[in-house]
């Protein structure tokens, strides 16, 4: 009997609570709850409309800016890089459209692209660390100025690639030196080639543009993973080598935020002072900024360009002196290529057909 009474009391309590809830919901609290929910919905709708209007305005401003820069590109770029030769170094996934757009802008500025080099995944694959270390030991023997003994594999490979791209024959400055050709041959040979070239490289570059690939939305890592796994040390070594061995270097990225290699360069005080960066090269303004930034960098005025705090959209215009490619006089003994020419046993360099 006691258990049955408790059961009845419990049922009565449940139904009583339901009745009170229904009564309050249909009576005194109905309008209060309804008004609160309606107000929240209207506020969210208004916020959505405001954000949409701001987005439309921003897209309109960008389109107008792009149209203006595109129409003025010939005037902006004319003579900026007259007779300069530029090597494009592509990292990660850079689309053909991006490469074509940058090439077109460089040519508008009077430059020519001497090489388009794609750094393959083998450059950073952890499983190939031993292979890269062995290869680097071979490559440094071809460098006119080998890096410090404690430079590390990443720096040695970076120096080898840049030296191969910019190494000119001192007696024939329009051709690569034999050592430079050998460096590029070794880097590009075999099934585990570290670098691929879009065309044969026969002329040395004066300057370098490093193009960082854009991560696809579907492949973007979560913040927690990115914070622990993303490192730009191999890429930063390339930028440092380009800054040291070439007349000028620009690091370009399609992302407007700069949260990639561009951001890593800007965060490094030494590199930020030695190299220039451009974010947002998927826009007309970004592609025009690259040749202008490179010209300014060659003139000793490195800078960082894009959209954001403390950034300007377009670099300052500079007037570069004419390119001097006067051949050096050969040594009295007829050494020809001087320091670049291998002697003795070095004549049997792998891939060194020059």
Protein backbone atom coordinates (compact mmCIF):
# COMPACT_ATOMS: atom_id res chain seq x y z
CA UNK A 1 0.00 0.00 0.00
CA UNK A 2 2.82 2.40 0.87
CA UNK A 3 4.56 1.82 -2.48
CA UNK A 4 1.27 2.32 -4.33
CA UNK A 5 0.61 5.61 -2.49
CA UNK A 6 4.10 6.87 -3.36
CA UNK A 7 3.46 5.95 -6.97
CA UNK A 8 0.18 7.87 -7.00
CA UNK A 9 1.81 10.91 -5.36
CA UNK A 10 4.58 10.90 -7.97
CA UNK A 11 2.11 10.80 -10.84
CA UNK A 12 0.08 13.61 -9.32
CA UNK A 13 3.25 15.72 -8.95
CA UNK A 14 4.19 15.20 -12.58
CA UNK A 15 0.76 16.14 -13.87
CA UNK A 16 0.60 19.11 -11.52
CA UNK A 17 3.95 20.41 -12.84
CA UNK A 18 2.71 20.00 -16.41
CA UNK A 19 -0.47 21.85 -15.61
CA UNK A 20 1.40 24.73 -13.97
CA UNK A 21 3.78 24.96 -16.94
CA UNK A 22 0.95 24.99 -19.45
CA UNK A 23 -0.90 27.60 -17.45
CA UNK A 24 2.10 29.89 -17.18
CA UNK A 25 3.13 29.41 -20.79
CA UNK A 26 -0.32 30.18 -22.07
CA UNK A 27 -0.85 33.01 -19.63
CA UNK A 28 1.48 35.47 -17.86
CA UNK A 29 4.78 34.28 -19.41
CA UNK A 30 3.52 33.80 -22.96
CA UNK A 31 4.08 37.35 -24.12
CA UNK A 32 7.39 37.75 -22.24
CA UNK A 33 8.95 34.61 -23.74
CA UNK A 34 7.56 35.37 -27.17
CA UNK A 35 8.79 38.96 -27.11
CA UNK A 36 12.27 37.86 -25.99
CA UNK A 37 12.61 35.26 -28.76
CA UNK A 38 11.22 37.64 -31.36
CA UNK A 39 13.69 40.33 -30.31
CA UNK A 40 16.62 37.93 -30.53
CA UNK A 41 15.58 36.74 -33.99
CA UNK A 42 15.18 40.31 -35.23
CA UNK A 43 18.58 41.29 -33.81
CA UNK A 44 20.26 38.34 -35.52
CA UNK A 45 18.50 39.16 -38.79
CA UNK A 46 19.63 42.79 -38.59
CA UNK A 47 23.21 41.73 -37.80
CA UNK A 48 23.18 39.37 -40.78
CA UNK A 49 21.96 42.12 -43.09
CA UNK A 50 24.63 44.49 -41.78
CA UNK A 51 27.39 41.95 -42.35
CA UNK A 52 26.07 41.21 -45.83
CA UNK A 53 26.05 44.92 -46.67
CA UNK A 54 29.61 45.29 -45.36
CA UNK A 55 30.74 42.28 -47.41
CA UNK A 56 29.11 43.65 -50.54
CA UNK A 57 30.74 47.03 -49.93
CA UNK A 58 34.17 45.44 -49.39
CA UNK A 59 33.84 43.31 -52.51
CA UNK A 60 32.78 46.36 -54.46
CA UNK A 61 35.76 48.35 -53.18
CA UNK A 62 38.13 45.51 -54.06
CA UNK A 63 36.63 45.17 -57.52
CA UNK A 64 36.94 48.92 -58.11
CA UNK A 65 40.51 48.93 -56.81
CA UNK A 66 41.37 45.92 -58.97
CA UNK A 67 39.87 47.52 -62.06
CA UNK A 68 41.79 50.74 -61.46
CA UNK A 69 45.10 49.00 -60.81
CA UNK A 70 44.62 46.71 -63.80
CA UNK A 71 43.89 49.63 -66.12
CA UNK A 72 46.86 51.58 -64.76
CA UNK A 73 49.26 48.62 -64.64
CA UNK A 74 51.13 49.55 -67.82
CA UNK A 75 51.85 53.03 -66.50
CA UNK A 76 52.67 51.80 -62.99
CA UNK A 77 55.05 49.07 -64.12
CA UNK A 78 56.69 50.62 -67.18
CA UNK A 79 60.47 50.42 -66.81
CA UNK A 80 60.39 49.19 -63.21
CA UNK A 81 62.58 46.13 -63.93
CA UNK A 82 64.04 46.85 -67.35
CA UNK A 83 66.31 44.00 -68.54
CA UNK A 84 66.23 42.28 -65.13
CA UNK A 85 66.00 38.50 -65.05
CA UNK A 86 63.83 36.98 -62.35
CA UNK A 87 63.62 33.40 -61.09
CA UNK A 88 60.27 32.20 -59.74
CA UNK A 89 60.54 29.68 -56.90
CA UNK A 90 57.19 28.00 -56.25
CA UNK A 91 56.37 26.42 -52.89
CA UNK A 92 53.47 24.08 -52.12
CA UNK A 93 50.47 24.35 -54.47
CA UNK A 94 50.78 27.37 -56.74
CA UNK A 95 48.25 27.37 -59.58
CA UNK A 96 49.16 27.89 -63.21
CA UNK A 97 46.93 30.95 -63.21
CA UNK A 98 48.94 32.55 -60.40
CA UNK A 99 52.22 31.83 -62.17
CA UNK A 100 50.89 33.21 -65.46
CA UNK A 101 49.61 36.39 -63.78
CA UNK A 102 52.91 37.05 -62.00
CA UNK A 103 54.90 36.31 -65.16
CA UNK A 104 52.75 38.76 -67.12
CA UNK A 105 53.27 41.52 -64.55
CA UNK A 106 57.03 40.96 -64.44
CA UNK A 107 57.18 41.18 -68.22
CA UNK A 108 55.10 44.37 -68.10
CA UNK A 109 57.78 45.78 -65.83
CA UNK A 110 60.46 44.97 -68.41
CA UNK A 111 61.79 41.82 -66.75
CA UNK A 112 62.03 38.29 -68.08
CA UNK A 113 61.53 35.05 -66.16
CA UNK A 114 64.75 33.07 -66.40
CA UNK A 115 63.49 30.06 -64.43
CA UNK A 116 60.32 28.68 -62.90
CA UNK A 117 61.39 26.23 -60.21
CA UNK A 118 58.93 24.16 -58.20
CA UNK A 119 60.20 22.92 -54.84
CA UNK A 120 58.87 19.37 -54.53
CA UNK A 121 57.55 17.68 -51.40
CA UNK A 122 60.83 15.74 -51.23
CA UNK A 123 62.43 18.97 -50.03
CA UNK A 124 60.70 18.60 -46.64
CA UNK A 125 59.63 14.92 -46.49
CA UNK A 126 60.81 13.63 -43.07
CA UNK A 127 61.37 10.16 -44.54
CA UNK A 128 64.03 11.56 -46.90
CA UNK A 129 66.07 13.46 -44.31
CA UNK A 130 69.09 11.17 -44.72
CA UNK A 131 68.91 11.43 -48.51
CA UNK A 132 68.81 15.24 -48.34
CA UNK A 133 71.72 15.35 -45.91
CA UNK A 134 73.84 13.19 -48.24
CA UNK A 135 72.85 15.25 -51.27
CA UNK A 136 73.64 18.51 -49.49
CA UNK A 137 77.13 17.23 -48.74
CA UNK A 138 77.65 16.77 -52.48
CA UNK A 139 76.14 20.11 -53.46
CA UNK A 140 78.24 22.29 -51.16
CA UNK A 141 81.37 21.30 -53.09
CA UNK A 142 79.97 23.24 -56.09
CA UNK A 143 79.31 26.43 -54.14
CA UNK A 144 81.71 29.34 -54.61
CA UNK A 145 80.98 30.41 -51.04
CA UNK A 146 80.00 27.36 -48.97
CA UNK A 147 77.80 28.10 -45.94
CA UNK A 148 79.14 27.77 -42.43
CA UNK A 149 79.97 24.26 -41.27
CA UNK A 150 77.08 24.33 -38.79
CA UNK A 151 74.57 25.82 -41.26
CA UNK A 152 72.49 22.64 -41.46
CA UNK A 153 71.00 20.73 -44.37
CA UNK A 154 68.13 23.18 -44.98
CA UNK A 155 70.49 26.11 -45.43
CA UNK A 156 72.89 24.12 -47.60
CA UNK A 157 70.10 23.03 -49.96
CA UNK A 158 68.69 26.55 -50.09
CA UNK A 159 72.09 28.02 -50.92
CA UNK A 160 72.56 25.39 -53.64
CA UNK A 161 69.23 26.16 -55.32
CA UNK A 162 69.64 29.93 -55.27
CA UNK A 163 73.30 29.73 -56.33
CA UNK A 164 72.23 27.56 -59.25
CA UNK A 165 69.56 30.05 -60.30
CA UNK A 166 71.74 33.17 -60.10
CA UNK A 167 75.22 31.83 -60.84
CA UNK A 168 76.55 33.62 -63.93
CA UNK A 169 79.63 32.76 -65.96
CA UNK A 170 81.93 35.69 -65.21
CA UNK A 171 83.29 35.79 -68.77
CA UNK A 172 79.84 35.30 -70.36
CA UNK A 173 77.32 36.86 -67.93
CA UNK A 174 74.31 35.88 -70.05
CA UNK A 175 74.93 32.18 -69.40
CA UNK A 176 75.00 30.06 -66.27
CA UNK A 177 78.34 29.10 -64.86
CA UNK A 178 79.29 25.44 -65.06
CA UNK A 179 78.95 25.06 -61.31
CA UNK A 180 75.49 26.64 -61.35
CA UNK A 181 74.34 24.26 -64.08
CA UNK A 182 75.68 21.34 -62.08
CA UNK A 183 73.82 22.44 -58.96
CA UNK A 184 70.50 22.59 -60.82
CA UNK A 185 71.15 19.26 -62.55
CA UNK A 186 71.78 17.48 -59.25
CA UNK A 187 68.74 19.04 -57.57
CA UNK A 188 66.44 18.01 -60.43
CA UNK A 189 67.73 14.51 -61.17
CA UNK A 190 66.29 11.15 -60.14
CA UNK A 191 62.96 9.85 -58.89
CA UNK A 192 63.39 11.82 -55.67
CA UNK A 193 64.24 15.15 -57.31
CA UNK A 194 64.04 18.03 -54.87
CA UNK A 195 63.19 20.58 -57.56
CA UNK A 196 61.36 20.55 -60.90
CA UNK A 197 61.85 23.14 -63.63
CA UNK A 198 59.19 24.28 -66.09
CA UNK A 199 61.85 24.86 -68.75
CA UNK A 200 65.60 24.47 -69.21
CA UNK A 201 67.48 27.08 -67.22
CA UNK A 202 70.18 28.65 -69.37
CA UNK A 203 70.40 32.23 -68.10
CA UNK A 204 71.20 33.39 -64.57
CA UNK A 205 68.66 35.42 -62.64
CA UNK A 206 69.32 38.79 -61.06
CA UNK A 207 66.55 38.52 -58.48
CA UNK A 208 64.15 35.96 -57.01
CA UNK A 209 60.42 35.85 -56.30
CA UNK A 210 59.41 33.12 -53.84
CA UNK A 211 55.73 32.25 -54.28
CA UNK A 212 54.00 30.53 -51.36
CA UNK A 213 51.17 28.21 -52.31
CA UNK A 214 47.64 28.65 -50.97
CA UNK A 215 46.22 25.84 -48.82
CA UNK A 216 42.88 24.61 -50.17
CA UNK A 217 39.91 25.11 -47.87
CA UNK A 218 39.23 21.37 -47.66
CA UNK A 219 42.85 20.69 -46.70
CA UNK A 220 43.24 23.46 -44.13
CA UNK A 221 44.38 21.97 -40.80
CA UNK A 222 42.56 22.69 -37.58
CA UNK A 223 44.13 25.45 -35.45
CA UNK A 224 45.28 22.99 -32.79
CA UNK A 225 47.06 20.83 -35.35
CA UNK A 226 48.48 23.78 -37.28
CA UNK A 227 49.93 25.30 -34.13
CA UNK A 228 52.00 22.20 -33.43
CA UNK A 229 52.97 20.92 -36.90
CA UNK A 230 53.41 23.87 -39.26
CA UNK A 231 57.01 25.02 -39.58
CA UNK A 232 58.54 27.29 -42.19
CA UNK A 233 62.22 26.71 -41.46
CA UNK A 234 63.07 25.14 -44.87
CA UNK A 235 61.19 27.92 -46.70
CA UNK A 236 62.75 30.64 -44.55
CA UNK A 237 66.17 29.21 -45.40
CA UNK A 238 65.34 29.69 -49.09
CA UNK A 239 64.33 33.29 -48.50
CA UNK A 240 67.52 33.95 -46.54
CA UNK A 241 69.65 32.43 -49.30
CA UNK A 242 67.88 34.49 -51.96
CA UNK A 243 68.39 37.66 -49.93
CA UNK A 244 72.10 36.92 -49.59
CA UNK A 245 72.94 35.70 -53.09
CA UNK A 246 70.65 37.70 -55.39
CA UNK A 247 70.08 41.41 -56.00
CA UNK A 248 66.63 41.28 -54.42
CA UNK A 249 63.90 38.94 -53.22
CA UNK A 250 60.14 39.17 -52.75
CA UNK A 251 58.03 36.59 -50.95
CA UNK A 252 54.52 36.54 -52.42
CA UNK A 253 51.36 34.78 -51.27
CA UNK A 254 47.82 34.57 -52.57
CA UNK A 255 46.28 34.86 -49.11
CA UNK A 256 45.38 38.41 -48.06
CA UNK A 257 45.76 37.63 -44.35
CA UNK A 258 49.47 36.83 -44.58
CA UNK A 259 49.05 33.93 -42.16
CA UNK A 260 51.59 31.77 -43.98
CA UNK A 261 55.18 32.11 -45.17
CA UNK A 262 54.66 35.85 -45.66
CA UNK A 263 53.72 36.17 -42.00
CA UNK A 264 56.70 34.05 -40.95
CA UNK A 265 59.08 36.32 -42.86
CA UNK A 266 57.51 39.44 -41.35
CA UNK A 267 57.85 37.93 -37.88
CA UNK A 268 61.59 37.35 -38.35
CA UNK A 269 63.34 40.68 -37.76
CA UNK A 270 66.43 39.81 -39.79
CA UNK A 271 64.50 38.47 -42.78
CA UNK A 272 61.94 41.26 -42.61
CA UNK A 273 64.78 43.74 -43.04
CA UNK A 274 66.42 41.78 -45.87
CA UNK A 275 63.41 40.68 -47.93
CA UNK A 276 60.13 42.18 -49.10
CA UNK A 277 56.69 40.55 -48.93
CA UNK A 278 53.42 40.91 -50.80
CA UNK A 279 50.16 39.34 -49.61
CA UNK A 280 47.08 38.91 -51.79
CA UNK A 281 48.64 38.11 -55.16
CA UNK A 282 45.39 36.57 -56.38
CA UNK A 283 44.15 40.16 -56.84
CA UNK A 284 45.17 42.62 -59.55
CA UNK A 285 46.70 44.92 -56.96
CA UNK A 286 48.75 42.07 -55.52
CA UNK A 287 50.21 41.00 -58.85
CA UNK A 288 51.14 44.60 -59.71
CA UNK A 289 52.75 45.05 -56.30
CA UNK A 290 55.21 42.18 -56.82
CA UNK A 291 57.37 43.78 -59.57
CA UNK A 292 57.26 47.14 -57.80
CA UNK A 293 58.26 45.54 -54.50
CA UNK A 294 61.09 43.68 -56.23
CA UNK A 295 62.39 46.88 -57.82
CA UNK A 296 62.29 48.65 -54.45
CA UNK A 297 64.04 45.70 -52.80
CA UNK A 298 66.81 45.77 -55.42
CA UNK A 299 67.17 49.49 -54.67
CA UNK A 300 67.67 48.66 -50.99
CA UNK A 301 64.17 49.61 -49.84
CA UNK A 302 62.66 46.39 -48.54
CA UNK A 303 59.02 46.62 -47.48
CA UNK A 304 55.86 44.68 -46.76
CA UNK A 305 52.69 45.21 -48.75
CA UNK A 306 49.06 44.13 -48.63
CA UNK A 307 45.91 44.95 -46.69
CA UNK A 308 46.20 45.34 -42.95
CA UNK A 309 47.63 47.40 -40.13
CA UNK A 310 50.95 49.13 -40.92
CA UNK A 311 50.79 47.88 -44.53
CA UNK A 312 50.48 49.78 -47.79
CA UNK A 313 48.91 48.40 -50.93
CA UNK A 314 51.50 49.48 -53.50
CA UNK A 315 55.27 49.88 -53.08
CA UNK A 316 56.99 53.17 -53.89
CA UNK A 317 58.23 53.72 -57.42
CA UNK A 318 62.01 53.58 -57.82
CA UNK A 319 64.36 54.14 -60.75
CA UNK A 320 66.93 51.36 -61.03
CA UNK A 321 70.24 51.89 -62.82
CA UNK A 322 70.77 49.99 -66.09
CA UNK A 323 71.91 46.39 -65.81
CA UNK A 324 75.66 45.94 -66.25
CA UNK A 325 76.61 42.59 -67.75
CA UNK A 326 80.14 43.44 -68.79
CA UNK A 327 82.17 40.20 -69.05
CA UNK A 328 85.13 39.85 -66.75
CA UNK A 329 88.51 39.58 -68.40
CA UNK A 330 89.87 36.02 -68.32
CA UNK A 331 92.84 35.24 -66.12
CA UNK A 332 96.25 35.49 -67.70
CA UNK A 333 96.47 31.70 -67.65
CA UNK A 334 93.23 31.42 -69.62
CA UNK A 335 91.24 30.00 -66.72
CA UNK A 336 88.08 31.24 -68.38
CA UNK A 337 85.29 30.83 -65.89
CA UNK A 338 87.51 31.56 -62.94
CA UNK A 339 86.17 30.37 -59.60
CA UNK A 340 83.13 28.89 -61.25
CA UNK A 341 85.07 26.48 -63.43
CA UNK A 342 85.81 23.07 -61.87
CA UNK A 343 89.34 21.79 -62.17
CA UNK A 344 91.01 18.42 -61.80
CA UNK A 345 88.71 15.73 -60.48
CA UNK A 346 85.85 18.23 -60.20
CA UNK A 347 85.37 17.94 -63.95
CA UNK A 348 83.41 14.74 -63.36
CA UNK A 349 80.58 16.45 -61.48
CA UNK A 350 77.24 14.63 -61.50
CA UNK A 351 74.86 16.20 -63.96
CA UNK A 352 77.38 18.93 -64.74
CA UNK A 353 77.03 19.23 -68.47
CA UNK A 354 76.71 23.01 -68.05
